[in-house]
C-alpha atoms as a PDB file:
ATOM      1  CA  MET A   1     -20.997   1.587 -14.173  1.00  0.00           C
ATOM      2  CA  ASN A   2     -19.710   4.525 -12.383  1.00  0.00           C
ATOM      3  CA  ARG A   3     -15.937   4.740 -13.074  1.00  0.00           C
ATOM      4  CA  PRO A   4     -14.905   8.205 -11.327  1.00  0.00           C
ATOM      5  CA  ALA A   5     -11.286   9.526 -11.234  1.00  0.00           C
ATOM      6  CA  ILE A   6      -9.101   8.243  -8.394  1.00  0.00           C
ATOM      7  CA  THR A   7      -6.576  10.124  -6.546  1.00  0.00           C
ATOM      8  CA  ALA A   8      -3.572   8.085  -5.363  1.00  0.00           C
ATOM      9  CA  LEU A   9      -2.157   8.873  -1.885  1.00  0.00           C
ATOM     10  CA  ILE A  10       1.593   8.059  -1.209  1.00  0.00           C
ATOM     11  CA  THR A  11       3.957   8.628   1.611  1.00  0.00           C
ATOM     12  CA  ILE A  12       7.593   9.258   1.146  1.00  0.00           C
ATOM     13  CA  GLN A  13       9.717   9.880   4.267  1.00  0.00           C
ATOM     14  CA  GLU A  14      13.476  10.647   4.389  1.00  0.00           C
ATOM     15  CA  ASN A  15      13.732   8.190   7.152  1.00  0.00           C
ATOM     16  CA  ARG A  16      10.974   5.534   7.801  1.00  0.00           C
ATOM     17  CA  THR A  17      11.078   4.465  11.449  1.00  0.00           C
ATOM     18  CA  ASP A  18       9.098   1.329  10.876  1.00  0.00           C
ATOM     19  CA  LEU A  19      11.820  -0.346   8.688  1.00  0.00           C
ATOM     20  CA  SER A  20      15.276  -1.405   9.408  1.00  0.00           C
ATOM     21  CA  MET A  21      16.457   0.094   6.242  1.00  0.00           C
ATOM     22  CA  ARG A  22      15.367   3.641   6.955  1.00  0.00           C
ATOM     23  CA  ASP A  23      16.291   4.993   3.649  1.00  0.00           C
ATOM     24  CA  ALA A  24      14.266   2.365   1.735  1.00  0.00           C
ATOM     25  CA  ASN A  25      12.135   5.070  -0.217  1.00  0.00           C
ATOM     26  CA  PHE A  26      15.347   6.400  -1.740  1.00  0.00           C
ATOM     27  CA  LYS A  27      17.123   3.089  -2.905  1.00  0.00           C
ATOM     28  CA  GLU A  28      18.110   2.857  -6.330  1.00  0.00           C
ATOM     29  CA  PHE A  29      16.008   0.209  -8.407  1.00  0.00           C
ATOM     30  CA  ASP A  30      16.365  -0.167 -12.003  1.00  0.00           C
ATOM     31  CA  GLY A  31      17.991   3.068 -12.406  1.00  0.00           C
ATOM     32  CA  ARG A  32      15.547   5.141 -10.340  1.00  0.00           C
ATOM     33  CA  HIS A  33      14.976   5.568  -6.643  1.00  0.00           C
ATOM     34  CA  LEU A  34      12.017   3.346  -5.426  1.00  0.00           C
ATOM     35  CA  TYR A  35       9.708   6.376  -4.883  1.00  0.00           C
ATOM     36  CA  ARG A  36      10.131   7.687  -8.357  1.00  0.00           C
ATOM     37  CA  LEU A  37       9.415   4.070  -9.677  1.00  0.00           C
ATOM     38  CA  MET A  38       6.097   3.957  -7.854  1.00  0.00           C
ATOM     39  CA  ILE A  39       5.071   7.374  -8.894  1.00  0.00           C
ATOM     40  CA  GLU A  40       5.744   6.593 -12.661  1.00  0.00           C
ATOM     41  CA  LYS A  41       3.635   3.536 -12.190  1.00  0.00           C
ATOM     42  CA  LEU A  42       0.700   5.541 -10.730  1.00  0.00           C
ATOM     43  CA  LEU A  43       0.992   8.161 -13.360  1.00  0.00           C
ATOM     44  CA  ALA A  44       0.670   5.490 -16.229  1.00  0.00           C
ATOM     45  CA  VAL A  45      -2.670   4.416 -14.688  1.00  0.00           C
ATOM     46  CA  LYS A  46      -5.496   6.280 -16.721  1.00  0.00           C
ATOM     47  CA  ALA A  47      -7.969   5.937 -13.799  1.00  0.00           C
ATOM     48  CA  ILE A  48      -5.618   7.955 -11.501  1.00  0.00           C
ATOM     49  CA  SER A  49      -6.124  11.674 -12.204  1.00  0.00           C
ATOM     50  CA  HIS A  50      -4.089  12.979  -9.281  1.00  0.00           C
ATOM     51  CA  ILE A  51      -1.152  11.974  -7.026  1.00  0.00           C
ATOM     52  CA  ALA A  52      -1.034  13.429  -3.440  1.00  0.00           C
ATOM     53  CA  ILE A  53       2.457  12.946  -1.945  1.00  0.00           C
ATOM     54  CA  THR A  54       2.660  13.162   1.932  1.00  0.00           C
ATOM     55  CA  THR A  55       6.363  13.916   2.537  1.00  0.00           C
ATOM     56  CA  ASP A  56       8.979  15.578   4.783  1.00  0.00           C
ATOM     57  CA  SER A  57      11.533  15.735   1.970  1.00  0.00           C
ATOM     58  CA  ASP A  58      12.549  18.968   0.207  1.00  0.00           C
ATOM     59  CA  ARG A  59      14.195  16.999  -2.538  1.00  0.00           C
ATOM     60  CA  VAL A  60      11.162  15.069  -3.267  1.00  0.00           C
ATOM     61  CA  LYS A  61       9.184  18.219  -3.456  1.00  0.00           C
ATOM     62  CA  GLN A  62      11.779  19.783  -5.935  1.00  0.00           C
ATOM     63  CA  ILE A  63      12.056  16.683  -8.257  1.00  0.00           C
ATOM     64  CA  CYS A  64       8.507  15.879  -8.499  1.00  0.00           C
ATOM     65  CA  GLY A  65       7.138  19.293  -8.449  1.00  0.00           C
ATOM     66  CA  GLY A  66       5.814  21.322 -11.419  1.00  0.00           C
ATOM     67  CA  THR A  67       3.051  19.005 -12.745  1.00  0.00           C
ATOM     68  CA  SER A  68      -0.613  19.650 -12.264  1.00  0.00           C
ATOM     69  CA  ARG A  69      -1.209  15.882 -11.571  1.00  0.00           C
ATOM     70  CA  MET A  70       0.724  16.050  -8.270  1.00  0.00           C
ATOM     71  CA  SER A  71       0.507  17.937  -5.188  1.00  0.00           C
ATOM     72  CA  PHE A  72       2.198  17.677  -1.659  1.00  0.00           C
ATOM     73  CA  VAL A  73       0.980  17.175   1.956  1.00  0.00           C
ATOM     74  CA  ASP A  74       3.053  17.858   4.956  1.00  0.00           C
ATOM     75  CA  MET A  75       3.525  14.954   7.526  1.00  0.00           C
ATOM     76  CA  PRO A  76       1.234  15.097  10.295  1.00  0.00           C
ATOM     77  CA  ASN A  77       2.278  17.443  13.114  1.00  0.00           C
ATOM     78  CA  PRO A  78       4.166  15.257  15.646  1.00  0.00           C
ATOM     79  CA  ASP A  79       1.923  16.516  18.555  1.00  0.00           C
ATOM     80  CA  MET A  80      -0.794  14.530  16.841  1.00  0.00           C
ATOM     81  CA  MET A  81       1.192  11.137  17.282  1.00  0.00           C
ATOM     82  CA  SER A  82       1.029   9.067  20.346  1.00  0.00           C
ATOM     83  CA  ASP A  83       3.503   9.456  23.131  1.00  0.00           C
ATOM     84  CA  ASP A  84       3.707   5.699  23.248  1.00  0.00           C
ATOM     85  CA  ASN A  85       6.844   4.840  20.811  1.00  0.00           C
ATOM     86  CA  SER A  86       5.237   1.458  19.892  1.00  0.00           C
ATOM     87  CA  VAL A  87       1.930   3.051  18.998  1.00  0.00           C
ATOM     88  CA  SER A  88       3.723   6.016  17.331  1.00  0.00           C
ATOM     89  CA  VAL A  89       5.598   3.606  14.974  1.00  0.00           C
ATOM     90  CA  LEU A  90       2.440   2.282  13.639  1.00  0.00           C
ATOM     91  CA  GLU A  91       0.880   5.660  13.207  1.00  0.00           C
ATOM     92  CA  GLU A  92       3.731   6.677  11.152  1.00  0.00           C
ATOM     93  CA  LEU A  93       3.373   3.768   8.596  1.00  0.00           C
ATOM     94  CA  PRO A  94       3.030   5.286   5.033  1.00  0.00           C
ATOM     95  CA  THR A  95      -0.419   3.586   4.881  1.00  0.00           C
ATOM     96  CA  SER A  96      -1.880   4.197   8.454  1.00  0.00           C
ATOM     97  CA  ASP A  97      -5.160   5.675   9.078  1.00  0.00           C
ATOM     98  CA  LEU A  98      -3.632   8.752  10.753  1.00  0.00           C
ATOM     99  CA  ILE A  99      -1.576   9.726   7.595  1.00  0.00           C
ATOM    100  CA  THR A 100      -4.515   8.842   5.436  1.00  0.00           C
ATOM    101  CA  ALA A 101      -6.889  11.321   7.704  1.00  0.00           C
ATOM    102  CA  ASN A 102      -4.127  13.884   7.498  1.00  0.00           C
ATOM    103  CA  SER A 103      -3.993  13.557   3.586  1.00  0.00           C
ATOM    104  CA  LEU A 104      -7.699  13.881   3.389  1.00  0.00           C
ATOM    105  CA  LYS A 105      -7.857  17.071   5.132  1.00  0.00           C
ATOM    106  CA  LYS A 106      -5.650  18.589   2.338  1.00  0.00           C
ATOM    107  CA  VAL A 107      -6.670  16.774  -0.674  1.00  0.00           C
ATOM    108  CA  GLN A 108     -10.009  17.030  -2.620  1.00  0.00           C
ATOM    109  CA  GLY A 109     -11.904  14.211  -4.010  1.00  0.00           C
ATOM    110  CA  GLU A 110     -13.879  11.218  -2.988  1.00  0.00           C
ATOM    111  CA  HIS A 111     -12.273   8.061  -4.253  1.00  0.00           C
ATOM    112  CA  PHE A 112      -8.720   7.225  -3.300  1.00  0.00           C
ATOM    113  CA  LEU A 113      -5.962   4.559  -3.697  1.00  0.00           C
ATOM    114  CA  GLN A 114      -3.215   4.615  -0.973  1.00  0.00           C
ATOM    115  CA  THR A 115      -0.070   2.605  -1.615  1.00  0.00           C
ATOM    116  CA  GLN A 116       3.796   2.786  -0.583  1.00  0.00           C
ATOM    117  CA  CYS A 117       7.006   2.922  -2.471  1.00  0.00           C
ATOM    118  CA  VAL A 118       8.684  -0.199  -1.177  1.00  0.00           C
ATOM    119  CA  ASN A 119       7.102  -2.803  -3.387  1.00  0.00           C
ATOM    120  CA  PRO A 120       9.168  -2.141  -6.619  1.00  0.00           C
ATOM    121  CA  LEU A 121       7.730  -5.369  -8.481  1.00  0.00           C
ATOM    122  CA  LEU A 122       4.223  -4.301  -8.108  1.00  0.00           C
ATOM    123  CA  THR A 123       2.919  -3.875 -11.757  1.00  0.00           C
ATOM    124  CA  ILE A 124       0.698  -1.222 -13.497  1.00  0.00           C
ATOM    125  CA  LYS A 125      -1.656  -4.253 -14.452  1.00  0.00           C
ATOM    126  CA  THR A 126      -2.061  -5.182 -10.853  1.00  0.00           C
ATOM    127  CA  ILE A 127      -2.811  -1.461  -9.874  1.00  0.00           C
ATOM    128  CA  GLU A 128      -5.392  -1.193 -12.614  1.00  0.00           C
ATOM    129  CA  GLU A 129      -7.019  -4.429 -11.807  1.00  0.00           C
ATOM    130  CA  VAL A 130      -7.497  -3.397  -8.020  1.00  0.00           C
ATOM    131  CA  ILE A 131      -9.060  -0.241  -9.077  1.00  0.00           C
ATOM    132  CA  GLU A 132     -11.398  -2.259 -11.554  1.00  0.00           C
ATOM    133  CA  ARG A 133     -12.294  -4.276  -8.518  1.00  0.00           C
ATOM    134  CA  TYR A 134     -13.385  -1.308  -6.638  1.00  0.00           C
ATOM    135  CA  TYR A 135     -15.479   0.008  -9.525  1.00  0.00           C
ATOM    136  CA  GLU A 136     -17.164  -3.313  -9.892  1.00  0.00           C
ATOM    137  CA  TYR A 137     -17.737  -4.245  -6.346  1.00  0.00           C
ATOM    138  CA  VAL A 138     -17.757  -1.098  -4.248  1.00  0.00           C
ATOM    139  CA  LEU A 139     -19.447   1.335  -6.665  1.00  0.00           C
ATOM    140  CA  ASN A 140     -21.733  -1.082  -8.272  1.00  0.00           C
ATOM    141  CA  ASP A 141     -25.376  -0.989  -7.003  1.00  0.00           C
ATOM    142  CA  GLU A 142     -25.461  -4.677  -7.260  1.00  0.00           C
ATOM    143  CA  TYR A 143     -22.996  -5.177  -4.581  1.00  0.00           C
ATOM    144  CA  LYS A 144     -23.657  -2.448  -1.860  1.00  0.00           C
ATOM    145  CA  GLN A 145     -22.361  -4.591   0.919  1.00  0.00           C
ATOM    146  CA  PHE A 146     -18.708  -3.820   0.103  1.00  0.00           C
ATOM    147  CA  ASP A 147     -17.046  -0.521   1.139  1.00  0.00           C
ATOM    148  CA  SER A 148     -13.429  -0.671   0.106  1.00  0.00           C
ATOM    149  CA  VAL A 149     -10.869  -2.968  -1.372  1.00  0.00           C
ATOM    150  CA  MET A 150      -7.824  -4.023   0.651  1.00  0.00           C
ATOM    151  CA  SER A 151      -4.862  -6.051  -0.491  1.00  0.00           C
ATOM    152  CA  LEU A 152      -3.858  -9.306   1.029  1.00  0.00           C
ATOM    153  CA  SER A 153      -1.071 -11.951   1.002  1.00  0.00           C
ATOM    154  CA  ARG A 154      -1.059 -15.687   1.391  1.00  0.00           C
ATOM    155  CA  ILE A 155       1.344 -17.769   3.091  1.00  0.00           C
ATOM    156  CA  ASP A 156       1.180 -21.512   2.328  1.00  0.00           C
ATOM    157  CA  LYS A 157       2.542 -23.455   5.411  1.00  0.00           C
ATOM    158  CA  ARG A 158       1.766 -26.680   7.201  1.00  0.00           C
ATOM    159  CA  LEU A 159       0.585 -25.465  10.570  1.00  0.00           C
ATOM    160  CA  TYR A 160       0.469 -27.338  13.845  1.00  0.00           C
ATOM    161  CA  ASP A 161      -1.616 -26.896  17.197  1.00  0.00           C
ATOM    162  CA  SER A 162       0.990 -25.370  19.581  1.00  0.00           C
ATOM    163  CA  SER A 163      -1.299 -26.241  22.574  1.00  0.00           C
ATOM    164  CA  ASP A 164      -0.209 -29.763  22.397  1.00  0.00           C
ATOM    165  CA  TYR A 165       3.611 -28.838  22.679  1.00  0.00           C
ATOM    166  CA  PRO A 166       5.906 -30.765  23.135  1.00  0.00           C
ATOM    167  CA  THR A 167       3.673 -33.040  21.037  1.00  0.00           C
ATOM    168  CA  ILE A 168       3.285 -31.710  17.397  1.00  0.00           C
ATOM    169  CA  THR A 169      -0.008 -32.318  16.157  1.00  0.00           C
ATOM    170  CA  LEU A 170      -0.293 -31.177  12.515  1.00  0.00           C
ATOM    171  CA  ARG A 171      -3.620 -29.215  11.565  1.00  0.00           C
ATOM    172  CA  ASP A 172      -5.310 -30.498   8.420  1.00  0.00           C
ATOM    173  CA  ASN A 173      -6.993 -27.256   7.797  1.00  0.00           C
ATOM    174  CA  PRO A 174      -6.196 -24.537   6.849  1.00  0.00           C
ATOM    175  CA  HIS A 175      -2.734 -24.845   5.392  1.00  0.00           C
ATOM    176  CA  TYR A 176      -2.260 -21.229   4.851  1.00  0.00           C
ATOM    177  CA  VAL A 177      -2.374 -17.909   6.471  1.00  0.00           C
ATOM    178  CA  ILE A 178      -3.928 -14.821   5.019  1.00  0.00           C
ATOM    179  CA  TYR A 179      -2.801 -11.363   6.388  1.00  0.00           C
ATOM    180  CA  GLU A 180      -3.222  -7.708   5.261  1.00  0.00           C
ATOM    181  CA  ASP A 181       0.040  -6.577   3.478  1.00  0.00           C
ATOM    182  CA  THR A 182      -0.543  -2.881   3.288  1.00  0.00           C
ATOM    183  CA  VAL A 183       0.463  -2.996  -0.509  1.00  0.00           C
ATOM    184  CA  PHE A 184      -2.729  -0.767  -1.235  1.00  0.00           C
ATOM    185  CA  ASN A 185      -6.273   0.128  -0.162  1.00  0.00           C
ATOM    186  CA  VAL A 186      -8.889   1.522  -2.384  1.00  0.00           C
ATOM    187  CA  PHE A 187     -11.568   3.413  -0.560  1.00  0.00           C
ATOM    188  CA  ASN A 188     -13.679   6.514  -0.546  1.00  0.00           C
ATOM    189  CA  ARG A 189     -14.045   9.446   1.782  1.00  0.00           C
ATOM    190  CA  THR A 190     -17.568   8.702   2.641  1.00  0.00           C
ATOM    191  CA  ALA A 191     -16.917   5.265   3.957  1.00  0.00           C
ATOM    192  CA  PHE A 192     -13.635   6.512   5.768  1.00  0.00           C
ATOM    193  CA  VAL A 193     -15.313   9.039   7.782  1.00  0.00           C
ATOM    194  CA  ARG A 194     -18.370   6.558   8.458  1.00  0.00           C
ATOM    195  CA  ASN A 195     -15.913   3.983   9.711  1.00  0.00           C
ATOM    196  CA  GLY A 196     -14.458   6.240  12.307  1.00  0.00           C
ATOM    197  CA  ASN A 197     -11.586   7.358   9.928  1.00  0.00           C
ATOM    198  CA  LYS A 198     -10.626   3.985   9.107  1.00  0.00           C
ATOM    199  CA  LYS A 199     -10.001   2.477   5.742  1.00  0.00           C
ATOM    200  CA  PHE A 200     -10.810  -1.046   6.944  1.00  0.00           C
ATOM    201  CA  GLY A 201     -14.558  -0.901   6.921  1.00  0.00           C
ATOM    202  CA  LYS A 202     -17.178  -3.416   7.956  1.00  0.00           C
ATOM    203  CA  ASN A 203     -17.193  -5.272   4.533  1.00  0.00           C
ATOM    204  CA  PRO A 204     -13.945  -4.889   2.601  1.00  0.00           C
ATOM    205  CA  MET A 205     -13.514  -6.595  -0.741  1.00  0.00           C
ATOM    206  CA  PHE A 206     -10.109  -8.429  -0.784  1.00  0.00           C
ATOM    207  CA  PHE A 207      -7.498  -8.590  -3.328  1.00  0.00           C
ATOM    208  CA  GLU A 208      -4.655 -11.159  -3.287  1.00  0.00           C
ATOM    209  CA  VAL A 209      -1.415  -9.693  -4.617  1.00  0.00           C
ATOM    210  CA  PRO A 210       0.754 -12.035  -6.608  1.00  0.00           C
ATOM    211  CA  GLU A 211       3.550 -13.376  -4.638  1.00  0.00           C
ATOM    212  CA  ILE A 212       6.509 -11.728  -6.725  1.00  0.00           C
ATOM    213  CA  GLU A 213       4.759  -8.437  -6.817  1.00  0.00           C
ATOM    214  CA  ASN A 214       4.304  -8.604  -2.960  1.00  0.00           C
ATOM    215  CA  LEU A 215       8.106  -8.691  -2.335  1.00  0.00           C
ATOM    216  CA  THR A 216       8.896  -5.529   0.045  1.00  0.00           C
ATOM    217  CA  VAL A 217      12.009  -3.631   0.504  1.00  0.00           C
ATOM    218  CA  GLU A 218      12.186  -3.448   4.182  1.00  0.00           C
ATOM    219  CA  THR A 219      15.615  -4.925   4.937  1.00  0.00           C
ATOM    220  CA  HIS A 220      18.822  -4.946   3.074  1.00  0.00           C
ATOM    221  CA  ALA A 221      18.263  -8.746   2.442  1.00  0.00           C
ATOM    222  CA  GLY A 222      14.732  -7.915   1.066  1.00  0.00           C
ATOM    223  CA  TYR A 223      16.310  -5.183  -1.174  1.00  0.00           C
ATOM    224  CA  GLU A 224      18.790  -7.639  -2.603  1.00  0.00           C
ATOM    225  CA  LEU A 225      16.276 -10.123  -3.013  1.00  0.00           C
ATOM    226  CA  ALA A 226      13.765  -7.951  -4.919  1.00  0.00           C
ATOM    227  CA  LYS A 227      16.740  -6.876  -7.254  1.00  0.00           C
ATOM    228  CA  LEU A 228      17.555 -10.579  -8.050  1.00  0.00           C
ATOM    229  CA  VAL A 229      13.918 -11.390  -8.733  1.00  0.00           C
ATOM    230  CA  TYR A 230      13.638  -8.282 -10.938  1.00  0.00           C
ATOM    231  CA  ASN A 231      16.797  -9.464 -12.966  1.00  0.00           C
ATOM    232  CA  ASN A 232      15.296 -13.026 -13.379  1.00  0.00           C
ATOM    233  CA  ARG A 233      11.566 -11.776 -13.785  1.00  0.00           C
ATOM    234  CA  GLU A 234      11.111 -13.261 -17.291  1.00  0.00           C
ATOM    235  CA  SER A 235      12.141 -16.737 -16.219  1.00  0.00           C
ATOM    236  CA  LEU A 236      10.262 -16.633 -12.903  1.00  0.00           C
ATOM    237  CA  LEU A 237       7.002 -15.495 -14.675  1.00  0.00           C
ATOM    238  CA  LYS A 238       7.148 -18.570 -17.228  1.00  0.00           C
ATOM    239  CA  ARG A 239       6.719 -20.956 -14.327  1.00  0.00           C
END
């Protein structure tokens, strides 16, 4: 089976406009900034040969520079962004297709994993598993229908049909909601261009991120919760 090297794409902004905690990438976690923690995990994955960091931060460039395994990409020109603020915020998401397209113009390679810094509990094992899923189902000639791998999360809830309100009619099926969580996408340049500069192709292979690893530092409450889970991870993983 073909197992080419993967280039990791990650965005590190000084102030993330899409989060209530704008300095999330620079929060301390286990003695390191969140962005340093994620970079260290990516460097530990053997399949990842290079990390391309899209950033507007001089301190990130200074701290992370000096290695052949990492390079830097400037943030997209503001003129590329929509004048509609609601649209612009989505475009500036670290895993948005606009950010991806900007990175691919500056980075060589065919196969990519794009992720973000604000999932401190994401493990090296999970990153390795999703890359293996990409090798097995996207690059394997036996499964030509898949063009990428994207992460999903599941919320298990008892749902009801709001059209009957104020009468509450509980729905028997489904009892869960699945949504894209932006933790990571694994894709190739060829499919990205073919899909109109979009990572989400016609036939993505899905990968469900474990609930604990999906915790995202988006708010101050989320930050404290992630630290609490991390400090009690051994007892939680035994359950």
